[in-house]
Amino acid sequence: MYFKAKTIWVTGASSGIGKAIAFELSRQHCNLILSSRNIEKLKHVKQQCSKTANIKIVKIDLEDYKSAPSVVEEAVACFGKIDLLINNAGISQRSLIAETSIEVDKKLIDVNYIGTVALTKALLPYFVQQQSGHYVTVTSLMGKFGSPFRSGYCGAKHALHGFFDVLRMEHEKDNIKVTMICPGFVNTNVSRNALIGDGTSLNEQDTATENGLSPELFAKKMLKAVSKGKFEAYIGQKEVMGIFLKRFFPKLLHKVVLKSDVR
């Protein structure tokens, strides 16, 4: 019942995890705002949802961070308020540090960190004014520990944890909640869309991602954690153990990751 009658904004809603979140929330008697760069894909997602009359579409490009204030105004105008922002949009990476151009590192930061922060800050005055709000940010287990081929991605995701931990502290007085969702492997196109060293897409699926949780199961687990108001939730399979190894046995985690098929 946590989501009933609320207005929820989901970025990265045109595919993968965001699409599964949209489908799950559309059955929970709430208003939905779906965003991504691809309007046509968003329209297709909307058509597949329940109760399409309660769903609006707003285009967003996180890399264009200066557009965040106007995008927020458009989103707020859809239903007159926003109760939850699910920061889900982002892009991954599959390339070694020595083979990755600095432009790729910059894009990973611009999309995954700066764009998300800009959107969050543009919405913040509305949350403060209404004295309520909930930020849900989908980071990654890579926001808690590292793995080869994902250096820039890990850096951006680690940065999100630092920012949102502080946001939670500074605005607890305004009844603003923050939940960080850390997925392990989920069977989406995240690997295919990942950037390689020259900035093009990998266009390949890796075995670990293919064998990951289904987006539908992930969305159910994620929304359960959100409804409970958790600070952080780690959702995956055996890879979630990396969180605890990093905390208590960092050298062991180092050896385990190096022995894994992390590509």
C-alpha atoms as a PDB file:
ATOM      1  CA  MET A   1       0.000   0.000   0.000  1.00  0.00           C
ATOM      2  CA  TYR A   2       3.036   2.301   0.233  1.00  0.00           C
ATOM      3  CA  PHE A   3       2.744   3.380  -3.395  1.00  0.00           C
ATOM      4  CA  LYS A   4      -1.036   3.820  -3.508  1.00  0.00           C
ATOM      5  CA  ALA A   5      -2.128   7.296  -4.663  1.00  0.00           C
ATOM      6  CA  LYS A   6       1.480   8.479  -4.917  1.00  0.00           C
ATOM      7  CA  THR A   7       3.073  10.074  -7.966  1.00  0.00           C
ATOM      8  CA  ILE A   8       6.234   8.226  -8.915  1.00  0.00           C
ATOM      9  CA  TRP A   9       8.794   9.322 -11.488  1.00  0.00           C
ATOM     10  CA  VAL A  10      10.989   6.608 -13.042  1.00  0.00           C
ATOM     11  CA  THR A  11      14.007   7.450 -15.196  1.00  0.00           C
ATOM     12  CA  GLY A  12      15.502   4.924 -17.587  1.00  0.00           C
ATOM     13  CA  ALA A  13      12.012   3.485 -17.979  1.00  0.00           C
ATOM     14  CA  SER A  14      12.249   2.469 -21.643  1.00  0.00           C
ATOM     15  CA  SER A  15      13.969  -0.877 -21.033  1.00  0.00           C
ATOM     16  CA  GLY A  16      15.469  -3.296 -18.541  1.00  0.00           C
ATOM     17  CA  ILE A  17      15.024  -2.624 -14.840  1.00  0.00           C
ATOM     18  CA  GLY A  18      13.151   0.649 -15.417  1.00  0.00           C
ATOM     19  CA  LYS A  19      10.650  -1.031 -17.700  1.00  0.00           C
ATOM     20  CA  ALA A  20      10.035  -3.798 -15.147  1.00  0.00           C
ATOM     21  CA  ILE A  21       9.573  -1.195 -12.390  1.00  0.00           C
ATOM     22  CA  ALA A  22       7.027   0.620 -14.562  1.00  0.00           C
ATOM     23  CA  PHE A  23       5.038  -2.573 -15.144  1.00  0.00           C
ATOM     24  CA  GLU A  24       5.031  -3.439 -11.436  1.00  0.00           C
ATOM     25  CA  LEU A  25       4.060   0.056 -10.273  1.00  0.00           C
ATOM     26  CA  SER A  26       1.314   0.382 -12.888  1.00  0.00           C
ATOM     27  CA  ARG A  27      -0.559  -2.334 -10.978  1.00  0.00           C
ATOM     28  CA  GLN A  28      -0.311  -0.509  -7.653  1.00  0.00           C
ATOM     29  CA  HIS A  29      -2.856   2.312  -8.039  1.00  0.00           C
ATOM     30  CA  CYS A  30      -0.377   5.162  -8.384  1.00  0.00           C
ATOM     31  CA  ASN A  31       0.421   7.878 -10.906  1.00  0.00           C
ATOM     32  CA  LEU A  32       3.492   7.218 -13.036  1.00  0.00           C
ATOM     33  CA  ILE A  33       5.863   9.477 -14.947  1.00  0.00           C
ATOM     34  CA  LEU A  34       8.154   7.550 -17.287  1.00  0.00           C
ATOM     35  CA  SER A  35      11.357   9.099 -18.621  1.00  0.00           C
ATOM     36  CA  SER A  36      14.248   8.255 -20.914  1.00  0.00           C
ATOM     37  CA  ARG A  37      15.797   9.641 -24.107  1.00  0.00           C
ATOM     38  CA  ASN A  38      13.618   7.460 -26.360  1.00  0.00           C
ATOM     39  CA  ILE A  39       9.999   8.629 -26.507  1.00  0.00           C
ATOM     40  CA  GLU A  40       8.875   5.866 -28.872  1.00  0.00           C
ATOM     41  CA  LYS A  41      10.119   3.142 -26.545  1.00  0.00           C
ATOM     42  CA  LEU A  42       8.444   4.872 -23.616  1.00  0.00           C
ATOM     43  CA  LYS A  43       5.140   4.909 -25.510  1.00  0.00           C
ATOM     44  CA  HIS A  44       5.486   1.174 -26.089  1.00  0.00           C
ATOM     45  CA  VAL A  45       6.156   0.598 -22.380  1.00  0.00           C
ATOM     46  CA  LYS A  46       3.130   2.715 -21.470  1.00  0.00           C
ATOM     47  CA  GLN A  47       0.885   0.683 -23.797  1.00  0.00           C
ATOM     48  CA  GLN A  48       1.951  -2.511 -22.003  1.00  0.00           C
ATOM     49  CA  CYS A  49       1.239  -1.101 -18.540  1.00  0.00           C
ATOM     50  CA  SER A  50      -1.952  -1.333 -16.553  1.00  0.00           C
ATOM     51  CA  LYS A  51      -4.147   1.795 -16.250  1.00  0.00           C
ATOM     52  CA  THR A  52      -2.437   3.874 -18.931  1.00  0.00           C
ATOM     53  CA  ALA A  53      -4.579   6.925 -18.065  1.00  0.00           C
ATOM     54  CA  ASN A  54      -2.413   7.350 -14.936  1.00  0.00           C
ATOM     55  CA  ILE A  55       0.854   7.377 -16.878  1.00  0.00           C
ATOM     56  CA  LYS A  56       2.654  10.362 -18.393  1.00  0.00           C
ATOM     57  CA  ILE A  57       5.825  10.511 -20.473  1.00  0.00           C
ATOM     58  CA  VAL A  58       8.606  13.079 -20.075  1.00  0.00           C
ATOM     59  CA  LYS A  59      11.740  13.000 -22.196  1.00  0.00           C
ATOM     60  CA  ILE A  60      15.065  13.330 -20.390  1.00  0.00           C
ATOM     61  CA  ASP A  61      18.732  13.147 -21.345  1.00  0.00           C
ATOM     62  CA  LEU A  62      20.845  12.972 -18.187  1.00  0.00           C
ATOM     63  CA  GLU A  63      23.962  14.015 -20.068  1.00  0.00           C
ATOM     64  CA  ASP A  64      22.270  17.373 -20.686  1.00  0.00           C
ATOM     65  CA  TYR A  65      22.337  18.212 -16.987  1.00  0.00           C
ATOM     66  CA  LYS A  66      21.510  21.892 -17.522  1.00  0.00           C
ATOM     67  CA  SER A  67      18.030  20.902 -18.708  1.00  0.00           C
ATOM     68  CA  ALA A  68      17.178  19.329 -15.324  1.00  0.00           C
ATOM     69  CA  PRO A  69      15.195  22.309 -13.907  1.00  0.00           C
ATOM     70  CA  SER A  70      12.918  22.555 -16.959  1.00  0.00           C
ATOM     71  CA  VAL A  71      12.439  18.776 -17.042  1.00  0.00           C
ATOM     72  CA  VAL A  72      11.441  18.817 -13.369  1.00  0.00           C
ATOM     73  CA  GLU A  73       8.913  21.576 -14.035  1.00  0.00           C
ATOM     74  CA  GLU A  74       7.390  19.494 -16.836  1.00  0.00           C
ATOM     75  CA  ALA A  75       7.256  16.392 -14.624  1.00  0.00           C
ATOM     76  CA  VAL A  76       5.661  18.200 -11.681  1.00  0.00           C
ATOM     77  CA  ALA A  77       3.039  19.673 -14.017  1.00  0.00           C
ATOM     78  CA  CYS A  78       1.929  16.171 -15.084  1.00  0.00           C
ATOM     79  CA  PHE A  79       0.054  15.448 -11.827  1.00  0.00           C
ATOM     80  CA  GLY A  80       0.749  18.540  -9.734  1.00  0.00           C
ATOM     81  CA  LYS A  81       3.240  16.816  -7.435  1.00  0.00           C
ATOM     82  CA  ILE A  82       5.885  14.114  -7.192  1.00  0.00           C
ATOM     83  CA  ASP A  83       6.260  11.812  -4.198  1.00  0.00           C
ATOM     84  CA  LEU A  84       9.058   9.501  -5.340  1.00  0.00           C
ATOM     85  CA  LEU A  85      11.866   9.884  -7.850  1.00  0.00           C
ATOM     86  CA  ILE A  86      13.435   6.619  -8.942  1.00  0.00           C
ATOM     87  CA  ASN A  87      16.853   7.492 -10.374  1.00  0.00           C
ATOM     88  CA  ASN A  88      17.342   4.429 -12.528  1.00  0.00           C
ATOM     89  CA  ALA A  89      18.821   5.728 -15.809  1.00  0.00           C
ATOM     90  CA  GLY A  90      22.497   5.104 -16.476  1.00  0.00           C
ATOM     91  CA  ILE A  91      25.109   3.408 -18.614  1.00  0.00           C
ATOM     92  CA  SER A  92      27.719   0.742 -17.866  1.00  0.00           C
ATOM     93  CA  GLN A  93      31.269   0.031 -19.060  1.00  0.00           C
ATOM     94  CA  ARG A  94      33.414  -2.902 -20.176  1.00  0.00           C
ATOM     95  CA  SER A  95      37.007  -1.794 -20.794  1.00  0.00           C
ATOM     96  CA  LEU A  96      40.404  -1.805 -19.106  1.00  0.00           C
ATOM     97  CA  ILE A  97      41.689   1.442 -17.608  1.00  0.00           C
ATOM     98  CA  ALA A  98      44.728   1.518 -19.894  1.00  0.00           C
ATOM     99  CA  GLU A  99      42.504   1.132 -22.961  1.00  0.00           C
ATOM    100  CA  THR A 100      39.801   3.640 -22.003  1.00  0.00           C
ATOM    101  CA  SER A 101      39.811   7.202 -23.303  1.00  0.00           C
ATOM    102  CA  ILE A 102      39.228   9.969 -20.772  1.00  0.00           C
ATOM    103  CA  GLU A 103      36.160  10.991 -22.804  1.00  0.00           C
ATOM    104  CA  VAL A 104      34.540   7.674 -21.833  1.00  0.00           C
ATOM    105  CA  ASP A 105      35.313   8.275 -18.153  1.00  0.00           C
ATOM    106  CA  LYS A 106      33.773  11.726 -18.464  1.00  0.00           C
ATOM    107  CA  LYS A 107      30.618  10.382 -20.107  1.00  0.00           C
ATOM    108  CA  LEU A 108      30.176   7.786 -17.372  1.00  0.00           C
ATOM    109  CA  ILE A 109      30.448  10.528 -14.746  1.00  0.00           C
ATOM    110  CA  ASP A 110      28.225  12.940 -16.682  1.00  0.00           C
ATOM    111  CA  VAL A 111      25.401  10.423 -17.165  1.00  0.00           C
ATOM    112  CA  ASN A 112      25.582   8.279 -14.039  1.00  0.00           C
ATOM    113  CA  TYR A 113      26.572  10.923 -11.504  1.00  0.00           C
ATOM    114  CA  ILE A 114      26.243  14.551 -12.651  1.00  0.00           C
ATOM    115  CA  GLY A 115      22.960  13.974 -14.509  1.00  0.00           C
ATOM    116  CA  THR A 116      21.425  12.115 -11.589  1.00  0.00           C
ATOM    117  CA  VAL A 117      22.597  14.718  -9.078  1.00  0.00           C
ATOM    118  CA  ALA A 118      21.338  17.593 -11.258  1.00  0.00           C
ATOM    119  CA  LEU A 119      17.876  16.033 -11.529  1.00  0.00           C
ATOM    120  CA  THR A 120      17.814  15.295  -7.800  1.00  0.00           C
ATOM    121  CA  LYS A 121      18.799  18.855  -6.868  1.00  0.00           C
ATOM    122  CA  ALA A 122      16.272  20.368  -9.278  1.00  0.00           C
ATOM    123  CA  LEU A 123      13.489  18.383  -7.599  1.00  0.00           C
ATOM    124  CA  LEU A 124      14.705  19.036  -4.058  1.00  0.00           C
ATOM    125  CA  PRO A 125      12.944  22.428  -3.541  1.00  0.00           C
ATOM    126  CA  TYR A 126       9.592  20.758  -4.339  1.00  0.00           C
ATOM    127  CA  PHE A 127      10.253  18.010  -1.785  1.00  0.00           C
ATOM    128  CA  VAL A 128      11.298  20.590   0.820  1.00  0.00           C
ATOM    129  CA  GLN A 129       8.221  22.711   0.166  1.00  0.00           C
ATOM    130  CA  GLN A 130       5.835  19.782   0.545  1.00  0.00           C
ATOM    131  CA  GLN A 131       7.853  18.450   3.509  1.00  0.00           C
ATOM    132  CA  SER A 132       7.963  14.963   2.091  1.00  0.00           C
ATOM    133  CA  GLY A 133       9.620  13.000  -0.679  1.00  0.00           C
ATOM    134  CA  HIS A 134      11.545   9.833  -1.392  1.00  0.00           C
ATOM    135  CA  TYR A 135      14.623   9.505  -3.580  1.00  0.00           C
ATOM    136  CA  VAL A 136      15.311   5.977  -4.784  1.00  0.00           C
ATOM    137  CA  THR A 137      18.627   5.682  -6.591  1.00  0.00           C
ATOM    138  CA  VAL A 138      19.619   2.523  -8.445  1.00  0.00           C
ATOM    139  CA  THR A 139      23.387   2.270  -8.158  1.00  0.00           C
ATOM    140  CA  SER A 140      25.066  -1.134  -8.249  1.00  0.00           C
ATOM    141  CA  LEU A 141      27.073  -3.514  -6.145  1.00  0.00           C
ATOM    142  CA  MET A 142      29.861  -1.763  -8.074  1.00  0.00           C
ATOM    143  CA  GLY A 143      29.014   1.282  -5.968  1.00  0.00           C
ATOM    144  CA  LYS A 144      30.260  -0.660  -2.929  1.00  0.00           C
ATOM    145  CA  PHE A 145      33.251  -2.556  -4.331  1.00  0.00           C
ATOM    146  CA  GLY A 146      35.157  -2.718  -7.613  1.00  0.00           C
ATOM    147  CA  SER A 147      35.705  -5.072 -10.526  1.00  0.00           C
ATOM    148  CA  PRO A 148      37.998  -5.034 -13.566  1.00  0.00           C
ATOM    149  CA  PHE A 149      36.628  -3.565 -16.816  1.00  0.00           C
ATOM    150  CA  ARG A 150      34.323  -1.205 -14.882  1.00  0.00           C
ATOM    151  CA  SER A 151      36.629   1.481 -13.454  1.00  0.00           C
ATOM    152  CA  GLY A 152      34.727   4.583 -14.600  1.00  0.00           C
ATOM    153  CA  TYR A 153      31.376   2.952 -13.876  1.00  0.00           C
ATOM    154  CA  CYS A 154      32.512   2.001 -10.359  1.00  0.00           C
ATOM    155  CA  GLY A 155      33.785   5.516  -9.767  1.00  0.00           C
ATOM    156  CA  ALA A 156      30.477   7.102 -10.740  1.00  0.00           C
ATOM    157  CA  LYS A 157      28.443   4.653  -8.678  1.00  0.00           C
ATOM    158  CA  HIS A 158      30.656   5.099  -5.613  1.00  0.00           C
ATOM    159  CA  ALA A 159      30.149   8.857  -5.956  1.00  0.00           C
ATOM    160  CA  LEU A 160      26.373   8.463  -5.881  1.00  0.00           C
ATOM    161  CA  HIS A 161      26.567   6.768  -2.487  1.00  0.00           C
ATOM    162  CA  GLY A 162      28.586   9.638  -1.061  1.00  0.00           C
ATOM    163  CA  PHE A 163      26.164  12.266  -2.362  1.00  0.00           C
ATOM    164  CA  PHE A 164      22.929  10.560  -1.346  1.00  0.00           C
ATOM    165  CA  ASP A 165      24.185   9.597   2.116  1.00  0.00           C
ATOM    166  CA  VAL A 166      24.713  13.310   2.770  1.00  0.00           C
ATOM    167  CA  LEU A 167      21.374  14.254   1.214  1.00  0.00           C
ATOM    168  CA  ARG A 168      19.649  11.843   3.595  1.00  0.00           C
ATOM    169  CA  MET A 169      21.377  13.457   6.570  1.00  0.00           C
ATOM    170  CA  GLU A 170      20.790  17.066   5.545  1.00  0.00           C
ATOM    171  CA  HIS A 171      17.093  16.636   4.740  1.00  0.00           C
ATOM    172  CA  GLU A 172      15.846  14.177   7.314  1.00  0.00           C
ATOM    173  CA  LYS A 173      14.381  17.263   8.990  1.00  0.00           C
ATOM    174  CA  ASP A 174      12.228  17.775   5.858  1.00  0.00           C
ATOM    175  CA  ASN A 175      10.885  14.208   5.979  1.00  0.00           C
ATOM    176  CA  ILE A 176      12.830  13.319   2.818  1.00  0.00           C
ATOM    177  CA  LYS A 177      13.874   9.684   2.513  1.00  0.00           C
ATOM    178  CA  VAL A 178      16.731   8.159   0.502  1.00  0.00           C
ATOM    179  CA  THR A 179      16.991   4.517  -0.534  1.00  0.00           C
ATOM    180  CA  MET A 180      20.018   3.204  -2.409  1.00  0.00           C
ATOM    181  CA  ILE A 181      19.349   0.087  -4.475  1.00  0.00           C
ATOM    182  CA  CYS A 182      22.418  -1.979  -5.375  1.00  0.00           C
ATOM    183  CA  PRO A 183      21.715  -4.588  -8.056  1.00  0.00           C
ATOM    184  CA  GLY A 184      23.966  -7.520  -8.739  1.00  0.00           C
ATOM    185  CA  PHE A 185      23.561  -9.246 -12.080  1.00  0.00           C
ATOM    186  CA  VAL A 186      20.151  -8.669 -13.710  1.00  0.00           C
ATOM    187  CA  ASN A 187      19.324 -10.116 -17.119  1.00  0.00           C
ATOM    188  CA  THR A 188      18.989  -6.901 -19.124  1.00  0.00           C
ATOM    189  CA  ASN A 189      20.847  -5.282 -22.012  1.00  0.00           C
ATOM    190  CA  VAL A 190      23.177  -3.423 -19.644  1.00  0.00           C
ATOM    191  CA  SER A 191      26.172  -5.359 -20.942  1.00  0.00           C
ATOM    192  CA  ARG A 192      25.263  -4.911 -24.607  1.00  0.00           C
ATOM    193  CA  ASN A 193      24.855  -1.163 -24.096  1.00  0.00           C
ATOM    194  CA  ALA A 194      28.018  -0.797 -22.015  1.00  0.00           C
ATOM    195  CA  LEU A 195      30.726   1.522 -23.319  1.00  0.00           C
ATOM    196  CA  ILE A 196      34.120   0.177 -24.346  1.00  0.00           C
ATOM    197  CA  GLY A 197      37.379   2.102 -24.460  1.00  0.00           C
ATOM    198  CA  ASP A 198      36.668   4.106 -27.598  1.00  0.00           C
ATOM    199  CA  GLY A 199      33.149   5.089 -26.525  1.00  0.00           C
ATOM    200  CA  THR A 200      31.224   2.642 -28.703  1.00  0.00           C
ATOM    201  CA  SER A 201      28.907  -0.041 -27.303  1.00  0.00           C
ATOM    202  CA  LEU A 202      30.070  -3.534 -26.428  1.00  0.00           C
ATOM    203  CA  ASN A 203      27.078  -5.151 -28.207  1.00  0.00           C
ATOM    204  CA  GLU A 204      27.670  -8.454 -26.417  1.00  0.00           C
ATOM    205  CA  GLN A 205      25.906 -10.229 -23.577  1.00  0.00           C
ATOM    206  CA  ASP A 206      28.073 -11.705 -20.835  1.00  0.00           C
ATOM    207  CA  THR A 207      27.283 -14.993 -19.133  1.00  0.00           C
ATOM    208  CA  ALA A 208      26.943 -13.552 -15.627  1.00  0.00           C
ATOM    209  CA  THR A 209      24.400 -10.954 -16.754  1.00  0.00           C
ATOM    210  CA  GLU A 210      22.445 -13.526 -18.766  1.00  0.00           C
ATOM    211  CA  ASN A 211      22.264 -15.773 -15.696  1.00  0.00           C
ATOM    212  CA  GLY A 212      21.226 -12.919 -13.403  1.00  0.00           C
ATOM    213  CA  LEU A 213      17.854 -12.218 -11.833  1.00  0.00           C
ATOM    214  CA  SER A 214      14.961 -11.505 -14.148  1.00  0.00           C
ATOM    215  CA  PRO A 215      14.054  -7.799 -14.268  1.00  0.00           C
ATOM    216  CA  GLU A 216      10.560  -8.693 -13.036  1.00  0.00           C
ATOM    217  CA  LEU A 217      11.839 -10.445  -9.904  1.00  0.00           C
ATOM    218  CA  PHE A 218      14.339  -7.681  -9.294  1.00  0.00           C
ATOM    219  CA  ALA A 219      11.619  -5.010  -9.524  1.00  0.00           C
ATOM    220  CA  LYS A 220       9.472  -6.820  -6.940  1.00  0.00           C
ATOM    221  CA  LYS A 221      12.385  -7.140  -4.513  1.00  0.00           C
ATOM    222  CA  MET A 222      13.425  -3.541  -5.072  1.00  0.00           C
ATOM    223  CA  LEU A 223       9.982  -2.067  -4.481  1.00  0.00           C
ATOM    224  CA  LYS A 224       9.600  -4.137  -1.327  1.00  0.00           C
ATOM    225  CA  ALA A 225      12.822  -2.587   0.003  1.00  0.00           C
ATOM    226  CA  VAL A 226      11.620   0.891  -0.977  1.00  0.00           C
ATOM    227  CA  SER A 227       8.281   0.416   0.773  1.00  0.00           C
ATOM    228  CA  LYS A 228      10.142  -0.525   3.962  1.00  0.00           C
ATOM    229  CA  GLY A 229      12.163   2.682   3.797  1.00  0.00           C
ATOM    230  CA  LYS A 230      15.514   0.898   3.762  1.00  0.00           C
ATOM    231  CA  PHE A 231      18.654   3.009   3.521  1.00  0.00           C
ATOM    232  CA  GLU A 232      20.316   0.444   1.217  1.00  0.00           C
ATOM    233  CA  ALA A 233      19.318  -2.848  -0.377  1.00  0.00           C
ATOM    234  CA  TYR A 234      21.598  -5.359  -2.096  1.00  0.00           C
ATOM    235  CA  ILE A 235      19.687  -7.426  -4.611  1.00  0.00           C
ATOM    236  CA  GLY A 236      21.206 -10.292  -6.565  1.00  0.00           C
ATOM    237  CA  GLN A 237      22.512 -13.802  -6.099  1.00  0.00           C
ATOM    238  CA  LYS A 238      25.862 -14.989  -4.716  1.00  0.00           C
ATOM    239  CA  GLU A 239      27.575 -11.785  -5.908  1.00  0.00           C
ATOM    240  CA  VAL A 240      25.874  -9.942  -3.024  1.00  0.00           C
ATOM    241  CA  MET A 241      28.379 -11.631  -0.698  1.00  0.00           C
ATOM    242  CA  GLY A 242      30.944  -9.203  -2.088  1.00  0.00           C
ATOM    243  CA  ILE A 243      29.443  -6.511   0.150  1.00  0.00           C
ATOM    244  CA  PHE A 244      30.336  -8.422   3.296  1.00  0.00           C
ATOM    245  CA  LEU A 245      33.710  -9.611   2.012  1.00  0.00           C
ATOM    246  CA  LYS A 246      34.638  -6.001   1.212  1.00  0.00           C
ATOM    247  CA  ARG A 247      33.756  -4.957   4.751  1.00  0.00           C
ATOM    248  CA  PHE A 248      35.426  -7.749   6.691  1.00  0.00           C
ATOM    249  CA  PHE A 249      37.839  -9.525   4.312  1.00  0.00           C
ATOM    250  CA  PRO A 250      38.909  -7.049   1.592  1.00  0.00           C
ATOM    251  CA  LYS A 251      41.989  -9.046   0.536  1.00  0.00           C
ATOM    252  CA  LEU A 252      39.866 -12.164   0.123  1.00  0.00           C
ATOM    253  CA  LEU A 253      37.394 -10.231  -2.038  1.00  0.00           C
ATOM    254  CA  HIS A 254      40.306  -9.024  -4.169  1.00  0.00           C
ATOM    255  CA  LYS A 255      41.367 -12.638  -4.828  1.00  0.00           C
ATOM    256  CA  VAL A 256      37.804 -13.834  -5.448  1.00  0.00           C
ATOM    257  CA  VAL A 257      37.066 -11.102  -8.012  1.00  0.00           C
ATOM    258  CA  LEU A 258      40.343 -11.690  -9.870  1.00  0.00           C
ATOM    259  CA  LYS A 259      39.518 -15.396 -10.167  1.00  0.00           C
ATOM    260  CA  SER A 260      35.987 -14.689 -11.437  1.00  0.00           C
ATOM    261  CA  ASP A 261      34.892 -14.338 -15.039  1.00  0.00           C
ATOM    262  CA  VAL A 262      34.243 -10.628 -14.667  1.00  0.00           C
ATOM    263  CA  ARG A 263      34.293  -9.633 -18.335  1.00  0.00           C
END
